[in-house]
């Protein structure tokens, strides 16, 4: 188990995105890697696809920051 909850896991847990949305974003990252292209962050991919809005993106990032502060 990861030490911290991943961005996509938080997005799904909070009900902001579906697992399928996260899977598509991860596939887009993998495709960029395969092509040797610079990959986008999963949050940006989800934002650009319309799966997340800006407020949701910020809330997920705050949640991630809070998890890191608690475990530090």
N, C-alpha and C. Protein backbone atom coordinates (compact mmCIF):
# COMPACT_ATOMS: atom_id res chain seq x y z
N UNK A 1 0.84 -1.19 0.00
CA UNK A 1 0.00 0.00 0.00
C UNK A 1 0.88 1.24 0.00
N UNK A 2 0.49 2.23 -0.77
CA UNK A 2 1.26 3.47 -0.85
C UNK A 2 1.21 4.20 0.49
N UNK A 3 2.30 4.89 0.77
CA UNK A 3 2.37 5.65 2.02
C UNK A 3 1.32 6.76 2.02
N UNK A 4 1.10 7.35 0.85
CA UNK A 4 0.12 8.42 0.69
C UNK A 4 -0.91 7.97 -0.34
N UNK A 5 -2.12 8.49 -0.19
CA UNK A 5 -3.17 8.21 -1.16
C UNK A 5 -2.85 8.98 -2.45
N UNK A 6 -3.00 8.33 -3.57
CA UNK A 6 -2.70 8.94 -4.86
C UNK A 6 -3.80 9.90 -5.29
N UNK A 7 -3.44 10.82 -6.18
CA UNK A 7 -4.38 11.83 -6.67
C UNK A 7 -5.68 11.20 -7.17
N UNK A 8 -5.55 10.21 -8.04
CA UNK A 8 -6.73 9.57 -8.60
C UNK A 8 -7.58 8.87 -7.57
N UNK A 9 -6.93 8.27 -6.58
CA UNK A 9 -7.67 7.60 -5.49
C UNK A 9 -8.49 8.62 -4.71
N UNK A 10 -7.90 9.76 -4.44
CA UNK A 10 -8.63 10.81 -3.70
C UNK A 10 -9.79 11.32 -4.54
N UNK A 11 -9.55 11.55 -5.83
CA UNK A 11 -10.62 12.05 -6.71
C UNK A 11 -11.82 11.11 -6.71
N UNK A 12 -11.55 9.82 -6.76
CA UNK A 12 -12.63 8.83 -6.76
C UNK A 12 -13.29 8.77 -5.38
N UNK A 13 -12.49 8.74 -4.32
CA UNK A 13 -13.05 8.66 -2.96
C UNK A 13 -13.97 9.83 -2.65
N UNK A 14 -13.58 11.02 -3.11
CA UNK A 14 -14.39 12.21 -2.85
C UNK A 14 -15.58 12.32 -3.80
N UNK A 15 -15.66 11.41 -4.77
CA UNK A 15 -16.78 11.41 -5.70
C UNK A 15 -16.65 12.45 -6.80
N UNK A 16 -15.45 12.98 -7.00
CA UNK A 16 -15.23 14.00 -8.02
C UNK A 16 -15.03 13.39 -9.40
N UNK A 17 -14.53 12.18 -9.46
CA UNK A 17 -14.25 11.52 -10.73
C UNK A 17 -14.58 10.04 -10.60
N UNK A 18 -14.83 9.43 -11.72
CA UNK A 18 -15.07 7.99 -11.76
C UNK A 18 -13.73 7.28 -11.97
N UNK A 19 -13.67 6.03 -11.55
CA UNK A 19 -12.45 5.24 -11.74
C UNK A 19 -12.08 5.19 -13.22
N UNK A 20 -13.08 5.10 -14.10
CA UNK A 20 -12.82 5.06 -15.54
C UNK A 20 -12.13 6.34 -16.02
N UNK A 21 -12.50 7.49 -15.43
CA UNK A 21 -11.85 8.75 -15.79
C UNK A 21 -10.37 8.71 -15.41
N UNK A 22 -10.10 8.21 -14.22
CA UNK A 22 -8.72 8.12 -13.73
C UNK A 22 -7.93 7.14 -14.60
N UNK A 23 -8.55 6.03 -14.93
CA UNK A 23 -7.88 5.03 -15.78
C UNK A 23 -7.52 5.62 -17.15
N UNK A 24 -8.42 6.44 -17.72
CA UNK A 24 -8.14 7.08 -19.01
C UNK A 24 -6.97 8.06 -18.88
N UNK A 25 -6.95 8.80 -17.77
CA UNK A 25 -5.86 9.75 -17.55
C UNK A 25 -4.53 9.03 -17.39
N UNK A 26 -4.54 7.93 -16.68
CA UNK A 26 -3.32 7.14 -16.51
C UNK A 26 -2.86 6.55 -17.84
N UNK A 27 -3.81 6.15 -18.67
CA UNK A 27 -3.48 5.63 -20.00
C UNK A 27 -2.86 6.73 -20.86
N UNK A 28 -3.37 7.95 -20.73
CA UNK A 28 -2.80 9.07 -21.47
C UNK A 28 -1.37 9.34 -21.03
N UNK A 29 -1.11 9.24 -19.73
CA UNK A 29 0.26 9.40 -19.23
C UNK A 29 1.17 8.30 -19.79
N UNK A 30 0.69 7.08 -19.78
CA UNK A 30 1.48 5.95 -20.28
C UNK A 30 1.77 6.11 -21.77
N UNK A 31 0.80 6.61 -22.52
CA UNK A 31 0.98 6.83 -23.95
C UNK A 31 2.04 7.90 -24.19
N UNK A 32 2.00 8.97 -23.41
CA UNK A 32 3.01 10.02 -23.53
C UNK A 32 4.40 9.46 -23.23
N UNK A 33 4.50 8.63 -22.20
CA UNK A 33 5.77 7.99 -21.88
C UNK A 33 6.25 7.12 -23.03
N UNK A 34 5.34 6.34 -23.59
CA UNK A 34 5.68 5.43 -24.69
C UNK A 34 6.21 6.20 -25.89
N UNK A 35 5.63 7.37 -26.13
CA UNK A 35 6.04 8.19 -27.27
C UNK A 35 7.26 9.06 -26.95
N UNK A 36 7.70 9.03 -25.71
CA UNK A 36 8.83 9.87 -25.32
C UNK A 36 8.45 11.33 -25.16
N UNK A 37 7.17 11.59 -25.01
CA UNK A 37 6.68 12.95 -24.83
C UNK A 37 6.64 13.31 -23.36
N UNK A 38 6.60 14.59 -23.11
CA UNK A 38 6.47 15.05 -21.73
C UNK A 38 5.05 14.75 -21.27
N UNK A 39 4.94 14.11 -20.13
CA UNK A 39 3.61 13.74 -19.67
C UNK A 39 3.01 14.83 -18.79
N UNK A 40 1.69 14.94 -18.84
CA UNK A 40 0.96 15.89 -18.01
C UNK A 40 0.63 15.23 -16.69
N UNK A 41 0.46 16.04 -15.68
CA UNK A 41 0.00 15.54 -14.38
C UNK A 41 -1.44 15.05 -14.52
N UNK A 42 -1.77 14.04 -13.75
CA UNK A 42 -3.10 13.44 -13.86
C UNK A 42 -4.20 14.46 -13.57
N UNK A 43 -3.97 15.34 -12.63
CA UNK A 43 -4.96 16.37 -12.32
C UNK A 43 -5.25 17.28 -13.50
N UNK A 44 -4.21 17.63 -14.23
CA UNK A 44 -4.39 18.48 -15.41
C UNK A 44 -5.14 17.73 -16.51
N UNK A 45 -4.83 16.46 -16.68
CA UNK A 45 -5.55 15.67 -17.68
C UNK A 45 -7.03 15.59 -17.32
N UNK A 46 -7.33 15.34 -16.05
CA UNK A 46 -8.72 15.25 -15.62
C UNK A 46 -9.44 16.59 -15.73
N UNK A 47 -8.73 17.66 -15.47
CA UNK A 47 -9.30 19.01 -15.61
C UNK A 47 -9.61 19.30 -17.08
N UNK A 48 -8.65 19.04 -17.95
CA UNK A 48 -8.83 19.31 -19.38
C UNK A 48 -9.91 18.44 -20.02
N UNK A 49 -10.10 17.24 -19.48
CA UNK A 49 -11.13 16.35 -20.03
C UNK A 49 -12.53 16.68 -19.51
N UNK A 50 -12.59 17.55 -18.51
CA UNK A 50 -13.88 17.90 -17.93
C UNK A 50 -14.32 16.99 -16.80
N UNK A 51 -13.48 16.02 -16.45
CA UNK A 51 -13.83 15.11 -15.35
C UNK A 51 -13.77 15.82 -14.00
N UNK A 52 -12.92 16.84 -13.90
CA UNK A 52 -12.81 17.65 -12.68
C UNK A 52 -12.99 19.11 -13.04
N UNK A 53 -13.46 19.89 -12.06
CA UNK A 53 -13.42 21.33 -12.25
C UNK A 53 -12.28 21.89 -11.37
N UNK A 54 -12.01 23.16 -11.52
CA UNK A 54 -10.88 23.77 -10.83
C UNK A 54 -11.00 23.65 -9.32
N UNK A 55 -12.18 23.86 -8.79
CA UNK A 55 -12.39 23.76 -7.34
C UNK A 55 -12.08 22.35 -6.85
N UNK A 56 -12.54 21.36 -7.57
CA UNK A 56 -12.28 19.97 -7.18
C UNK A 56 -10.78 19.66 -7.23
N UNK A 57 -10.10 20.14 -8.25
CA UNK A 57 -8.66 19.94 -8.36
C UNK A 57 -7.95 20.51 -7.14
N UNK A 58 -8.32 21.72 -6.76
CA UNK A 58 -7.70 22.37 -5.60
C UNK A 58 -8.00 21.59 -4.33
N UNK A 59 -9.23 21.13 -4.16
CA UNK A 59 -9.58 20.37 -2.95
C UNK A 59 -8.78 19.07 -2.86
N UNK A 60 -8.57 18.41 -3.98
CA UNK A 60 -7.77 17.18 -3.97
C UNK A 60 -6.33 17.49 -3.59
N UNK A 61 -5.77 18.56 -4.14
CA UNK A 61 -4.40 18.93 -3.81
C UNK A 61 -4.27 19.29 -2.33
N UNK A 62 -5.27 19.96 -1.78
CA UNK A 62 -5.25 20.29 -0.35
C UNK A 62 -5.32 19.01 0.49
N UNK A 63 -6.12 18.06 0.06
CA UNK A 63 -6.23 16.78 0.76
C UNK A 63 -4.88 16.06 0.75
N UNK A 64 -4.22 16.08 -0.40
CA UNK A 64 -2.90 15.44 -0.51
C UNK A 64 -1.89 16.13 0.41
N UNK A 65 -1.93 17.45 0.43
CA UNK A 65 -1.01 18.21 1.29
C UNK A 65 -1.28 17.90 2.75
N UNK A 66 -2.54 17.80 3.14
CA UNK A 66 -2.89 17.47 4.52
C UNK A 66 -2.41 16.10 4.92
N UNK A 67 -2.49 15.13 4.01
CA UNK A 67 -2.01 13.78 4.30
C UNK A 67 -0.49 13.79 4.54
N UNK A 68 0.21 14.55 3.75
CA UNK A 68 1.66 14.61 3.89
C UNK A 68 2.07 15.30 5.19
N UNK A 69 1.34 16.32 5.58
CA UNK A 69 1.65 17.04 6.82
C UNK A 69 1.42 16.14 8.04
N UNK A 70 0.36 15.35 8.00
CA UNK A 70 0.03 14.45 9.11
C UNK A 70 1.09 13.37 9.26
N UNK A 71 1.58 12.83 8.14
CA UNK A 71 2.53 11.72 8.19
C UNK A 71 3.98 12.16 8.33
N UNK A 72 4.24 13.46 8.22
CA UNK A 72 5.63 13.94 8.32
C UNK A 72 6.11 13.97 9.76
